[in-house]
Amino acid sequence: MKKLWSLFLILCLLSCTAQSSPEEKTIYQSPDFTAAVISDLHYTSSPSAFNSVVPLEPVVPEVTDALIEQVIAAKPDAFIMTGDNTGNGEEKDVEELSQKLQRLRKAGIEVIMTTGNHDYGEGNISKKAWEQYILPLLDIKEKDPGSYSYMTENNGVMILAMDDSHHGESTGHFSDVTMQWLKEQLETAKSNGLRVLFLSHHNILSGKISSMYSCA
């Protein structure tokens, strides 16, 4: 069972390093930053769950446990989940997933999570419940007033975890309020010489590209 996660998820270690030769002007520097990254976990504890796109969804609790063990053994700085973290945003599933991820925090690994269209919305968990179970799990330094997008920092890297599902769209849409907040975070990163890691569930260009083709 512990090997099942490799059939279901892509686990990778990212390394961000800043290097410069004596002849180069140093723009920014940061220590190494490592992260284990997954997407579309679709966590559910329902024994009758079946998803043709995610065939291991019926055993995803066991898969998640095995994955967490692998991440703790790898000892990255952060564990990043880029949306569709639950199968359909059921409150029980969100609560269980949050409890499992606490193991990573206890091991000193930061949990970083963006939202996806399966995490909350019409027919799924309420935003109030998302705030109850997920937000306390995260190390939020600055939060967007218009969505669940937030900023955190880890080893000299600014991580922007974007909520592109807040307005019920699945095309990487951000409101004007969120765009202004994002601009402010990028300006802060530039002035402080921080690397930037931008995370979102959907391709943020997909909506504009779709509109271009529909107008052609």
N, C-alpha and C. Protein backbone atom coordinates (compact mmCIF):
# COMPACT_ATOMS: atom_id res chain seq x y z
N MET A 1 0.81 -1.21 0.00
CA MET A 1 0.00 0.00 0.00
C MET A 1 0.85 1.26 0.00
N LYS A 2 2.02 1.20 0.68
CA LYS A 2 2.85 2.39 0.77
C LYS A 2 3.39 2.84 -0.57
N LYS A 3 3.41 1.93 -1.55
CA LYS A 3 3.92 2.29 -2.86
C LYS A 3 2.84 2.80 -3.80
N LEU A 4 1.57 2.71 -3.35
CA LEU A 4 0.48 3.12 -4.22
C LEU A 4 0.53 4.59 -4.59
N TRP A 5 1.03 5.38 -3.65
CA TRP A 5 1.04 6.83 -3.92
C TRP A 5 1.80 7.17 -5.19
N SER A 6 2.80 6.36 -5.53
CA SER A 6 3.60 6.66 -6.71
C SER A 6 2.80 6.46 -7.99
N LEU A 7 1.73 5.67 -7.92
CA LEU A 7 0.86 5.48 -9.08
C LEU A 7 -0.16 6.59 -9.19
N PHE A 8 -0.32 7.34 -8.13
CA PHE A 8 -1.44 8.29 -8.02
C PHE A 8 -0.98 9.73 -8.01
N LEU A 9 0.22 9.98 -7.53
CA LEU A 9 0.69 11.33 -7.35
C LEU A 9 2.09 11.50 -7.92
N ILE A 10 2.41 12.71 -8.25
CA ILE A 10 3.77 13.03 -8.66
C ILE A 10 4.40 13.77 -7.51
N LEU A 11 5.45 13.19 -6.97
CA LEU A 11 6.15 13.79 -5.83
C LEU A 11 7.50 14.26 -6.33
N CYS A 12 7.78 15.52 -6.17
CA CYS A 12 9.05 16.02 -6.64
C CYS A 12 9.66 16.95 -5.62
N LEU A 13 10.96 17.04 -5.63
CA LEU A 13 11.68 17.96 -4.78
C LEU A 13 12.20 19.10 -5.63
N LEU A 14 11.85 20.31 -5.24
CA LEU A 14 12.31 21.50 -5.93
C LEU A 14 13.42 22.13 -5.12
N SER A 15 14.38 22.66 -5.80
CA SER A 15 15.45 23.36 -5.09
C SER A 15 15.62 24.74 -5.70
N CYS A 16 15.49 25.77 -4.88
CA CYS A 16 15.69 27.14 -5.32
C CYS A 16 17.00 27.63 -4.73
N THR A 17 17.94 28.01 -5.57
CA THR A 17 19.21 28.53 -5.08
C THR A 17 19.53 29.82 -5.78
N ALA A 18 20.21 30.69 -5.10
CA ALA A 18 20.66 31.94 -5.68
C ALA A 18 22.17 31.92 -5.73
N GLN A 19 22.75 32.06 -6.91
CA GLN A 19 24.18 32.01 -7.06
C GLN A 19 24.63 33.20 -7.89
N SER A 20 25.79 33.70 -7.59
CA SER A 20 26.34 34.78 -8.39
C SER A 20 27.86 34.71 -8.34
N SER A 21 28.49 35.05 -9.45
CA SER A 21 29.94 35.10 -9.49
C SER A 21 30.39 36.44 -8.96
N PRO A 22 31.67 36.58 -8.59
CA PRO A 22 32.16 37.86 -8.07
C PRO A 22 31.96 39.02 -9.04
N GLU A 23 31.90 38.70 -10.36
CA GLU A 23 31.75 39.76 -11.35
C GLU A 23 30.30 40.23 -11.49
N GLU A 24 29.35 39.41 -11.03
CA GLU A 24 27.94 39.73 -11.20
C GLU A 24 27.42 40.57 -10.04
N LYS A 25 26.48 41.43 -10.35
CA LYS A 25 25.80 42.19 -9.30
C LYS A 25 24.75 41.30 -8.65
N THR A 26 24.81 41.18 -7.35
CA THR A 26 23.86 40.33 -6.64
C THR A 26 22.53 41.06 -6.50
N ILE A 27 21.48 40.49 -7.08
CA ILE A 27 20.15 41.08 -6.99
C ILE A 27 19.44 40.56 -5.76
N TYR A 28 19.54 39.27 -5.52
CA TYR A 28 18.95 38.66 -4.32
C TYR A 28 19.71 37.40 -3.97
N GLN A 29 19.58 37.01 -2.74
CA GLN A 29 20.17 35.77 -2.29
C GLN A 29 19.19 35.09 -1.33
N SER A 30 19.17 33.78 -1.36
CA SER A 30 18.36 33.02 -0.41
C SER A 30 19.00 31.67 -0.19
N PRO A 31 18.82 31.11 0.98
CA PRO A 31 19.30 29.74 1.20
C PRO A 31 18.52 28.77 0.32
N ASP A 32 18.97 27.55 0.25
CA ASP A 32 18.23 26.53 -0.49
C ASP A 32 16.83 26.39 0.09
N PHE A 33 15.87 26.19 -0.79
CA PHE A 33 14.48 25.94 -0.39
C PHE A 33 14.02 24.69 -1.09
N THR A 34 13.53 23.72 -0.35
CA THR A 34 13.05 22.47 -0.96
C THR A 34 11.58 22.28 -0.62
N ALA A 35 10.86 21.68 -1.55
CA ALA A 35 9.43 21.45 -1.34
C ALA A 35 8.99 20.18 -2.05
N ALA A 36 8.12 19.43 -1.40
CA ALA A 36 7.43 18.31 -2.05
C ALA A 36 6.12 18.87 -2.59
N VAL A 37 5.83 18.61 -3.86
CA VAL A 37 4.69 19.25 -4.53
C VAL A 37 3.74 18.20 -5.10
N ILE A 38 2.45 18.33 -4.79
CA ILE A 38 1.45 17.46 -5.40
C ILE A 38 0.25 18.31 -5.83
N SER A 39 -0.59 17.74 -6.64
CA SER A 39 -1.84 18.39 -7.03
C SER A 39 -2.92 17.33 -7.16
N ASP A 40 -4.17 17.75 -7.01
CA ASP A 40 -5.33 16.88 -7.26
C ASP A 40 -5.30 15.60 -6.41
N LEU A 41 -5.10 15.76 -5.13
CA LEU A 41 -5.17 14.61 -4.23
C LEU A 41 -6.57 14.01 -4.21
N HIS A 42 -7.59 14.86 -4.28
CA HIS A 42 -9.00 14.42 -4.26
C HIS A 42 -9.29 13.55 -3.04
N TYR A 43 -8.87 14.02 -1.88
CA TYR A 43 -9.06 13.22 -0.67
C TYR A 43 -10.54 13.00 -0.37
N THR A 44 -10.90 11.75 -0.09
CA THR A 44 -12.24 11.42 0.37
C THR A 44 -12.15 10.15 1.21
N SER A 45 -12.99 10.06 2.22
CA SER A 45 -13.04 8.86 3.04
C SER A 45 -14.25 8.00 2.71
N SER A 46 -14.98 8.38 1.66
CA SER A 46 -16.16 7.62 1.27
C SER A 46 -15.76 6.28 0.65
N PRO A 47 -16.23 5.16 1.20
CA PRO A 47 -15.84 3.84 0.66
C PRO A 47 -16.43 3.56 -0.71
N SER A 48 -17.44 4.33 -1.10
CA SER A 48 -18.08 4.10 -2.40
C SER A 48 -17.56 5.04 -3.48
N ALA A 49 -16.57 5.83 -3.12
CA ALA A 49 -16.06 6.82 -4.08
C ALA A 49 -15.42 6.13 -5.28
N PHE A 50 -15.70 6.66 -6.47
CA PHE A 50 -15.01 6.20 -7.66
C PHE A 50 -14.92 7.35 -8.63
N ASN A 51 -13.72 7.52 -9.17
CA ASN A 51 -13.48 8.59 -10.12
C ASN A 51 -12.63 8.00 -11.23
N SER A 52 -13.14 8.01 -12.45
CA SER A 52 -12.41 7.39 -13.55
C SER A 52 -11.11 8.13 -13.85
N VAL A 53 -11.06 9.42 -13.49
CA VAL A 53 -9.83 10.20 -13.70
C VAL A 53 -8.83 9.92 -12.59
N VAL A 54 -9.34 9.68 -11.37
CA VAL A 54 -8.50 9.38 -10.21
C VAL A 54 -8.90 7.99 -9.71
N PRO A 55 -8.43 6.92 -10.34
CA PRO A 55 -8.91 5.56 -10.04
C PRO A 55 -8.62 5.09 -8.62
N LEU A 56 -7.63 5.66 -7.94
CA LEU A 56 -7.31 5.21 -6.59
C LEU A 56 -8.05 6.01 -5.52
N GLU A 57 -9.02 6.81 -5.93
CA GLU A 57 -9.75 7.63 -4.97
C GLU A 57 -10.39 6.81 -3.84
N PRO A 58 -10.90 5.59 -4.08
CA PRO A 58 -11.49 4.81 -2.98
C PRO A 58 -10.50 4.48 -1.86
N VAL A 59 -9.19 4.48 -2.16
CA VAL A 59 -8.20 4.15 -1.12
C VAL A 59 -7.29 5.34 -0.83
N VAL A 60 -7.78 6.53 -1.13
CA VAL A 60 -6.93 7.70 -0.95
C VAL A 60 -6.52 7.98 0.50
N PRO A 61 -7.30 7.59 1.53
CA PRO A 61 -6.79 7.78 2.90
C PRO A 61 -5.48 7.02 3.13
N GLU A 62 -5.40 5.77 2.66
CA GLU A 62 -4.18 4.98 2.81
C GLU A 62 -3.05 5.57 1.96
N VAL A 63 -3.41 6.03 0.76
CA VAL A 63 -2.43 6.66 -0.11
C VAL A 63 -1.86 7.91 0.55
N THR A 64 -2.74 8.69 1.17
CA THR A 64 -2.31 9.92 1.83
C THR A 64 -1.38 9.62 2.99
N ASP A 65 -1.69 8.62 3.78
CA ASP A 65 -0.82 8.25 4.89
C ASP A 65 0.57 7.86 4.39
N ALA A 66 0.61 7.07 3.32
CA ALA A 66 1.89 6.64 2.77
C ALA A 66 2.67 7.84 2.22
N LEU A 67 1.95 8.75 1.57
CA LEU A 67 2.59 9.94 1.01
C LEU A 67 3.20 10.78 2.13
N ILE A 68 2.45 10.99 3.20
CA ILE A 68 2.95 11.80 4.31
C ILE A 68 4.20 11.18 4.91
N GLU A 69 4.23 9.85 5.03
CA GLU A 69 5.42 9.18 5.53
C GLU A 69 6.63 9.44 4.63
N GLN A 70 6.40 9.40 3.32
CA GLN A 70 7.48 9.64 2.37
C GLN A 70 7.99 11.08 2.48
N VAL A 71 7.08 12.02 2.65
CA VAL A 71 7.47 13.43 2.74
C VAL A 71 8.25 13.68 4.03
N ILE A 72 7.79 13.13 5.13
CA ILE A 72 8.50 13.31 6.40
C ILE A 72 9.90 12.73 6.30
N ALA A 73 10.05 11.59 5.62
CA ALA A 73 11.36 10.97 5.45
C ALA A 73 12.27 11.84 4.59
N ALA A 74 11.69 12.53 3.59
CA ALA A 74 12.48 13.38 2.69
C ALA A 74 12.89 14.69 3.35
N LYS A 75 12.13 15.14 4.35
CA LYS A 75 12.43 16.35 5.12
C LYS A 75 12.57 17.62 4.26
N PRO A 76 11.60 17.91 3.41
CA PRO A 76 11.65 19.19 2.68
C PRO A 76 11.28 20.33 3.62
N ASP A 77 11.50 21.55 3.16
CA ASP A 77 11.08 22.71 3.95
C ASP A 77 9.56 22.86 3.95
N ALA A 78 8.93 22.46 2.85
CA ALA A 78 7.49 22.66 2.73
C ALA A 78 6.84 21.54 1.93
N PHE A 79 5.56 21.34 2.19
CA PHE A 79 4.73 20.41 1.44
C PHE A 79 3.65 21.24 0.76
N ILE A 80 3.66 21.25 -0.57
CA ILE A 80 2.78 22.13 -1.35
C ILE A 80 1.68 21.31 -2.02
N MET A 81 0.43 21.75 -1.84
CA MET A 81 -0.72 21.14 -2.49
C MET A 81 -1.39 22.21 -3.34
N THR A 82 -1.49 21.97 -4.66
CA THR A 82 -1.97 23.02 -5.55
C THR A 82 -3.41 22.80 -6.03
N GLY A 83 -4.30 22.48 -5.10
CA GLY A 83 -5.72 22.49 -5.42
C GLY A 83 -6.35 21.15 -5.70
N ASP A 84 -7.68 21.14 -5.65
CA ASP A 84 -8.47 19.91 -5.69
C ASP A 84 -7.93 18.94 -4.65
N ASN A 85 -7.76 19.46 -3.46
CA ASN A 85 -7.20 18.69 -2.36
C ASN A 85 -8.19 17.65 -1.85
N THR A 86 -9.49 17.91 -2.05
CA THR A 86 -10.54 16.97 -1.67
C THR A 86 -11.33 16.55 -2.89
N GLY A 87 -12.06 15.44 -2.74
CA GLY A 87 -12.83 14.93 -3.86
C GLY A 87 -13.97 15.83 -4.26
N ASN A 88 -14.71 16.33 -3.25
CA ASN A 88 -15.83 17.20 -3.56
C ASN A 88 -16.11 18.18 -2.43
N GLY A 89 -15.10 18.44 -1.61
CA GLY A 89 -15.24 19.45 -0.58
C GLY A 89 -16.15 19.10 0.57
N GLU A 90 -16.40 17.81 0.80
CA GLU A 90 -17.25 17.43 1.93
C GLU A 90 -16.55 17.80 3.24
N GLU A 91 -17.32 18.31 4.20
CA GLU A 91 -16.74 18.80 5.44
C GLU A 91 -15.95 17.70 6.17
N LYS A 92 -16.46 16.49 6.20
CA LYS A 92 -15.77 15.39 6.87
C LYS A 92 -14.41 15.14 6.22
N ASP A 93 -14.36 15.19 4.89
CA ASP A 93 -13.11 14.95 4.17
C ASP A 93 -12.10 16.05 4.45
N VAL A 94 -12.56 17.29 4.46
CA VAL A 94 -11.66 18.41 4.72
C VAL A 94 -11.10 18.32 6.14
N GLU A 95 -11.94 17.96 7.09
CA GLU A 95 -11.50 17.83 8.48
C GLU A 95 -10.47 16.71 8.61
N GLU A 96 -10.73 15.55 7.99
CA GLU A 96 -9.80 14.42 8.08
C GLU A 96 -8.47 14.75 7.43
N LEU A 97 -8.52 15.38 6.27
CA LEU A 97 -7.28 15.75 5.58
C LEU A 97 -6.46 16.71 6.43
N SER A 98 -7.14 17.67 7.03
CA SER A 98 -6.45 18.63 7.89
C SER A 98 -5.75 17.93 9.05
N GLN A 99 -6.42 16.97 9.65
CA GLN A 99 -5.83 16.23 10.76
C GLN A 99 -4.59 15.44 10.32
N LYS A 100 -4.66 14.84 9.14
CA LYS A 100 -3.51 14.09 8.64
C LYS A 100 -2.33 15.00 8.37
N LEU A 101 -2.60 16.17 7.83
CA LEU A 101 -1.53 17.11 7.48
C LEU A 101 -0.86 17.71 8.70
N GLN A 102 -1.52 17.62 9.85
CA GLN A 102 -0.91 18.11 11.09
C GLN A 102 0.38 17.34 11.39
N ARG A 103 0.49 16.12 10.92
CA ARG A 103 1.71 15.34 11.13
C ARG A 103 2.92 16.03 10.50
N LEU A 104 2.70 16.65 9.35
CA LEU A 104 3.78 17.36 8.68
C LEU A 104 4.22 18.58 9.49
N ARG A 105 3.25 19.31 10.00
CA ARG A 105 3.58 20.48 10.81
C ARG A 105 4.37 20.07 12.05
N LYS A 106 3.98 18.96 12.67
CA LYS A 106 4.69 18.49 13.85
C LYS A 106 6.11 18.06 13.51
N ALA A 107 6.32 17.67 12.27
CA ALA A 107 7.66 17.28 11.81
C ALA A 107 8.47 18.48 11.35
N GLY A 108 7.92 19.68 11.48
CA GLY A 108 8.63 20.89 11.09
C GLY A 108 8.56 21.21 9.61
N ILE A 109 7.59 20.64 8.90
CA ILE A 109 7.42 20.88 7.46
C ILE A 109 6.20 21.77 7.26
N GLU A 110 6.41 22.91 6.63
CA GLU A 110 5.30 23.84 6.40
C GLU A 110 4.33 23.28 5.37
N VAL A 111 3.04 23.41 5.64
CA VAL A 111 2.00 23.02 4.68
C VAL A 111 1.55 24.26 3.93
N ILE A 112 1.63 24.21 2.61
CA ILE A 112 1.22 25.32 1.76
C ILE A 112 0.15 24.79 0.81
N MET A 113 -1.00 25.45 0.75
CA MET A 113 -2.13 24.90 0.01
C MET A 113 -2.87 25.98 -0.77
N THR A 114 -3.11 25.72 -2.05
CA THR A 114 -4.00 26.56 -2.83
C THR A 114 -5.34 25.84 -2.96
N THR A 115 -6.34 26.55 -3.41
CA THR A 115 -7.66 25.96 -3.58
C THR A 115 -7.84 25.46 -5.02
N GLY A 116 -8.82 24.58 -5.20
CA GLY A 116 -9.22 24.13 -6.52
C GLY A 116 -10.72 24.12 -6.60
N ASN A 117 -11.27 23.90 -7.77
CA ASN A 117 -12.72 23.95 -7.94
C ASN A 117 -13.43 22.81 -7.22
N HIS A 118 -12.70 21.77 -6.79
CA HIS A 118 -13.33 20.68 -6.03
C HIS A 118 -13.30 20.93 -4.53
N ASP A 119 -12.66 21.99 -4.09
CA ASP A 119 -12.46 22.19 -2.65
C ASP A 119 -13.61 22.90 -1.95
N TYR A 120 -14.22 23.83 -2.58
CA TYR A 120 -15.40 24.48 -2.01
C TYR A 120 -16.16 25.18 -3.12
N GLY A 121 -17.39 25.49 -2.84
CA GLY A 121 -18.23 26.14 -3.84
C GLY A 121 -19.62 25.56 -3.83
N GLU A 122 -20.33 25.77 -4.89
CA GLU A 122 -21.72 25.29 -4.97
C GLU A 122 -21.76 23.77 -4.85
N GLY A 123 -22.51 23.28 -3.88
CA GLY A 123 -22.64 21.85 -3.67
C GLY A 123 -21.52 21.24 -2.87
N ASN A 124 -20.50 22.06 -2.53
CA ASN A 124 -19.37 21.56 -1.78
C ASN A 124 -19.35 22.20 -0.39
N ILE A 125 -18.22 22.12 0.28
CA ILE A 125 -18.10 22.66 1.63
C ILE A 125 -18.27 24.18 1.62
N SER A 126 -18.81 24.69 2.70
CA SER A 126 -18.98 26.14 2.80
C SER A 126 -17.64 26.80 3.03
N LYS A 127 -17.55 28.08 2.67
CA LYS A 127 -16.31 28.81 2.89
C LYS A 127 -16.02 28.95 4.38
N LYS A 128 -17.06 29.00 5.18
CA LYS A 128 -16.86 29.09 6.63
C LYS A 128 -16.15 27.86 7.15
N ALA A 129 -16.52 26.68 6.64
CA ALA A 129 -15.88 25.44 7.07
C ALA A 129 -14.44 25.37 6.58
N TRP A 130 -14.18 25.88 5.37
CA TRP A 130 -12.81 25.92 4.85
C TRP A 130 -11.94 26.75 5.80
N GLU A 131 -12.48 27.87 6.26
CA GLU A 131 -11.75 28.71 7.19
C GLU A 131 -11.51 27.99 8.52
N GLN A 132 -12.44 27.17 8.92
CA GLN A 132 -12.32 26.48 10.21
C GLN A 132 -11.24 25.41 10.20
N TYR A 133 -11.15 24.63 9.12
CA TYR A 133 -10.25 23.49 9.11
C TYR A 133 -8.93 23.73 8.40
N ILE A 134 -8.94 24.54 7.35
CA ILE A 134 -7.75 24.68 6.52
C ILE A 134 -6.89 25.89 6.90
N LEU A 135 -7.50 27.04 7.03
CA LEU A 135 -6.70 28.24 7.28
C LEU A 135 -5.80 28.14 8.52
N PRO A 136 -6.25 27.54 9.63
CA PRO A 136 -5.36 27.43 10.79
C PRO A 136 -4.16 26.51 10.55
N LEU A 137 -4.23 25.69 9.51
CA LEU A 137 -3.15 24.77 9.18
C LEU A 137 -1.99 25.48 8.48
N LEU A 138 -2.26 26.65 7.95
CA LEU A 138 -1.31 27.36 7.09
C LEU A 138 -0.56 28.45 7.86
N ASP A 139 0.65 28.74 7.41
CA ASP A 139 1.44 29.83 7.99
C ASP A 139 1.25 31.07 7.13
N ILE A 140 0.17 31.78 7.36
CA ILE A 140 -0.20 32.92 6.53
C ILE A 140 0.48 34.18 7.05
N LYS A 141 1.29 34.80 6.18
CA LYS A 141 1.93 36.07 6.55
C LYS A 141 1.06 37.26 6.14
N GLU A 142 0.51 37.19 4.94
CA GLU A 142 -0.39 38.24 4.44
C GLU A 142 -1.52 37.56 3.68
N LYS A 143 -2.76 37.96 3.95
CA LYS A 143 -3.91 37.34 3.28
C LYS A 143 -4.61 38.36 2.40
N ASP A 144 -4.99 37.93 1.22
CA ASP A 144 -5.76 38.75 0.29
C ASP A 144 -7.14 39.02 0.89
N PRO A 145 -7.57 40.27 0.96
CA PRO A 145 -8.90 40.57 1.51
C PRO A 145 -10.06 40.10 0.64
N GLY A 146 -9.76 39.76 -0.62
CA GLY A 146 -10.84 39.40 -1.52
C GLY A 146 -10.98 37.92 -1.81
N SER A 147 -10.12 37.08 -1.22
CA SER A 147 -10.19 35.63 -1.48
C SER A 147 -9.35 34.92 -0.44
N TYR A 148 -9.09 33.62 -0.65
CA TYR A 148 -8.22 32.86 0.24
C TYR A 148 -6.78 32.83 -0.25
N SER A 149 -6.46 33.67 -1.20
CA SER A 149 -5.06 33.80 -1.62
C SER A 149 -4.26 34.33 -0.44
N TYR A 150 -3.04 33.84 -0.32
CA TYR A 150 -2.22 34.32 0.79
C TYR A 150 -0.75 34.24 0.43
N MET A 151 0.05 34.92 1.24
CA MET A 151 1.50 34.92 1.07
C MET A 151 2.16 34.34 2.30
N THR A 152 3.18 33.53 2.07
CA THR A 152 4.02 33.05 3.16
C THR A 152 5.47 33.14 2.70
N GLU A 153 6.40 33.08 3.62
CA GLU A 153 7.82 33.11 3.30
C GLU A 153 8.50 31.92 3.94
N ASN A 154 9.45 31.36 3.21
CA ASN A 154 10.19 30.21 3.73
C ASN A 154 11.60 30.26 3.16
N ASN A 155 12.59 30.43 4.02
CA ASN A 155 13.99 30.44 3.62
C ASN A 155 14.29 31.43 2.49
N GLY A 156 13.80 32.64 2.64
CA GLY A 156 14.10 33.67 1.65
C GLY A 156 13.29 33.62 0.39
N VAL A 157 12.25 32.78 0.36
CA VAL A 157 11.38 32.66 -0.81
C VAL A 157 9.98 33.13 -0.44
N MET A 158 9.43 34.05 -1.23
CA MET A 158 8.03 34.45 -1.05
C MET A 158 7.16 33.50 -1.85
N ILE A 159 6.23 32.84 -1.17
CA ILE A 159 5.32 31.91 -1.83
C ILE A 159 3.94 32.54 -1.89
N LEU A 160 3.40 32.65 -3.09
CA LEU A 160 2.06 33.21 -3.31
C LEU A 160 1.13 32.06 -3.64
N ALA A 161 0.30 31.67 -2.67
CA ALA A 161 -0.65 30.58 -2.84
C ALA A 161 -1.99 31.19 -3.24
N MET A 162 -2.34 31.08 -4.51
CA MET A 162 -3.47 31.81 -5.05
C MET A 162 -4.76 30.99 -5.07
N ASP A 163 -5.82 31.66 -4.72
CA ASP A 163 -7.17 31.07 -4.69
C ASP A 163 -7.90 31.49 -5.96
N ASP A 164 -7.80 30.66 -7.00
CA ASP A 164 -8.43 31.03 -8.27
C ASP A 164 -9.83 30.45 -8.42
N SER A 165 -10.40 29.93 -7.32
CA SER A 165 -11.74 29.35 -7.37
C SER A 165 -12.74 30.11 -6.50
N HIS A 166 -12.30 31.24 -5.94
CA HIS A 166 -13.13 31.94 -4.96
C HIS A 166 -14.43 32.46 -5.56
N HIS A 167 -14.40 32.79 -6.82
CA HIS A 167 -15.58 33.40 -7.45
C HIS A 167 -16.36 32.40 -8.30
N GLY A 168 -16.13 31.11 -8.05
CA GLY A 168 -16.92 30.09 -8.72
C GLY A 168 -16.53 29.82 -10.15
N GLU A 169 -15.36 30.28 -10.56
CA GLU A 169 -14.90 30.05 -11.93
C GLU A 169 -13.75 29.05 -11.92
N SER A 170 -13.58 28.36 -13.03
CA SER A 170 -12.52 27.36 -13.14
C SER A 170 -11.53 27.74 -14.23
N THR A 171 -11.29 29.03 -14.38
CA THR A 171 -10.42 29.49 -15.47
C THR A 171 -9.30 30.37 -14.97
N GLY A 172 -8.90 30.20 -13.72
CA GLY A 172 -7.80 31.01 -13.21
C GLY A 172 -8.15 32.48 -13.09
N HIS A 173 -9.37 32.78 -12.66
CA HIS A 173 -9.82 34.17 -12.58
C HIS A 173 -9.49 34.78 -11.22
N PHE A 174 -8.98 36.02 -11.24
CA PHE A 174 -8.74 36.78 -10.01
C PHE A 174 -9.50 38.11 -10.11
N SER A 175 -10.08 38.53 -9.01
CA SER A 175 -10.80 39.79 -8.97
C SER A 175 -9.83 40.95 -9.00
N ASP A 176 -10.36 42.16 -9.21
CA ASP A 176 -9.52 43.36 -9.19
C ASP A 176 -8.88 43.54 -7.81
N VAL A 177 -9.62 43.20 -6.76
CA VAL A 177 -9.08 43.32 -5.40
C VAL A 177 -7.88 42.39 -5.23
N THR A 178 -8.01 41.16 -5.71
CA THR A 178 -6.92 40.19 -5.61
C THR A 178 -5.73 40.62 -6.45
N MET A 179 -5.99 41.17 -7.63
CA MET A 179 -4.90 41.61 -8.49
C MET A 179 -4.12 42.75 -7.84
N GLN A 180 -4.82 43.65 -7.17
CA GLN A 180 -4.14 44.75 -6.48
C GLN A 180 -3.30 44.21 -5.33
N TRP A 181 -3.86 43.25 -4.59
CA TRP A 181 -3.12 42.63 -3.49
C TRP A 181 -1.87 41.92 -4.02
N LEU A 182 -2.02 41.22 -5.15
CA LEU A 182 -0.91 40.51 -5.76
C LEU A 182 0.19 41.49 -6.18
N LYS A 183 -0.21 42.61 -6.74
CA LYS A 183 0.76 43.64 -7.15
C LYS A 183 1.56 44.12 -5.95
N GLU A 184 0.88 44.33 -4.84
CA GLU A 184 1.56 44.81 -3.63
C GLU A 184 2.56 43.79 -3.12
N GLN A 185 2.19 42.48 -3.18
CA GLN A 185 3.11 41.45 -2.71
C GLN A 185 4.35 41.37 -3.60
N LEU A 186 4.17 41.50 -4.91
CA LEU A 186 5.29 41.44 -5.83
C LEU A 186 6.22 42.64 -5.64
N GLU A 187 5.64 43.79 -5.36
CA GLU A 187 6.46 44.97 -5.09
C GLU A 187 7.28 44.77 -3.82
N THR A 188 6.67 44.16 -2.81
CA THR A 188 7.38 43.88 -1.57
C THR A 188 8.53 42.90 -1.81
N ALA A 189 8.26 41.87 -2.61
CA ALA A 189 9.29 40.88 -2.91
C ALA A 189 10.46 41.53 -3.64
N LYS A 190 10.15 42.43 -4.57
CA LYS A 190 11.20 43.11 -5.33
C LYS A 190 12.05 43.99 -4.43
N SER A 191 11.39 44.75 -3.57
CA SER A 191 12.13 45.67 -2.70
C SER A 191 12.95 44.94 -1.65
N ASN A 192 12.52 43.73 -1.26
CA ASN A 192 13.24 42.96 -0.24
C ASN A 192 14.17 41.90 -0.83
N GLY A 193 14.25 41.85 -2.16
CA GLY A 193 15.14 40.90 -2.81
C GLY A 193 14.77 39.45 -2.60
N LEU A 194 13.48 39.15 -2.62
CA LEU A 194 13.02 37.78 -2.37
C LEU A 194 12.74 37.06 -3.68
N ARG A 195 13.08 35.78 -3.72
CA ARG A 195 12.58 34.94 -4.82
C ARG A 195 11.07 34.81 -4.67
N VAL A 196 10.38 34.55 -5.79
CA VAL A 196 8.92 34.42 -5.76
C VAL A 196 8.52 33.07 -6.36
N LEU A 197 7.69 32.35 -5.64
CA LEU A 197 7.11 31.10 -6.13
C LEU A 197 5.60 31.31 -6.20
N PHE A 198 5.05 31.31 -7.42
CA PHE A 198 3.63 31.56 -7.66
C PHE A 198 2.92 30.23 -7.85
N LEU A 199 1.85 30.01 -7.07
CA LEU A 199 1.11 28.75 -7.12
C LEU A 199 -0.36 29.00 -7.41
N SER A 200 -0.94 28.24 -8.32
CA SER A 200 -2.39 28.28 -8.54
C SER A 200 -2.83 26.95 -9.12
N HIS A 201 -4.10 26.63 -8.96
CA HIS A 201 -4.60 25.34 -9.44
C HIS A 201 -4.78 25.35 -10.95
N HIS A 202 -5.34 26.43 -11.47
CA HIS A 202 -5.61 26.52 -12.90
C HIS A 202 -4.57 27.40 -13.59
N ASN A 203 -4.46 27.19 -14.89
CA ASN A 203 -3.64 28.07 -15.71
C ASN A 203 -4.30 29.45 -15.72
N ILE A 204 -3.59 30.46 -15.23
CA ILE A 204 -4.22 31.77 -15.12
C ILE A 204 -4.45 32.42 -16.48
N LEU A 205 -3.89 31.87 -17.56
CA LEU A 205 -4.11 32.40 -18.89
C LEU A 205 -5.25 31.71 -19.62
N SER A 206 -5.77 30.61 -19.05
CA SER A 206 -6.72 29.79 -19.80
C SER A 206 -7.99 30.56 -20.13
N GLY A 207 -8.47 31.38 -19.21
CA GLY A 207 -9.69 32.14 -19.47
C GLY A 207 -9.52 33.12 -20.58
N LYS A 208 -8.40 33.85 -20.57
CA LYS A 208 -8.15 34.82 -21.63
C LYS A 208 -7.96 34.14 -22.98
N ILE A 209 -7.26 33.00 -22.97
CA ILE A 209 -7.04 32.27 -24.21
C ILE A 209 -8.37 31.78 -24.79
N SER A 210 -9.24 31.26 -23.91
CA SER A 210 -10.57 30.78 -24.35
C SER A 210 -11.36 31.93 -24.97
N SER A 211 -11.28 33.11 -24.34
CA SER A 211 -12.01 34.27 -24.85
C SER A 211 -11.48 34.68 -26.21
N MET A 212 -10.17 34.61 -26.39
CA MET A 212 -9.56 34.98 -27.67
C MET A 212 -10.06 34.07 -28.77
N TYR A 213 -10.11 32.76 -28.48
CA TYR A 213 -10.54 31.83 -29.52
C TYR A 213 -12.02 31.97 -29.82
N SER A 214 -12.81 32.28 -28.78
CA SER A 214 -14.26 32.40 -29.01
C SER A 214 -14.58 33.63 -29.83
N CYS A 215 -13.68 34.62 -29.78
CA CYS A 215 -13.92 35.85 -30.54
C CYS A 215 -13.39 35.75 -31.96
N ALA A 216 -12.58 34.75 -32.20
CA ALA A 216 -11.94 34.64 -33.53
C ALA A 216 -12.94 34.17 -34.58
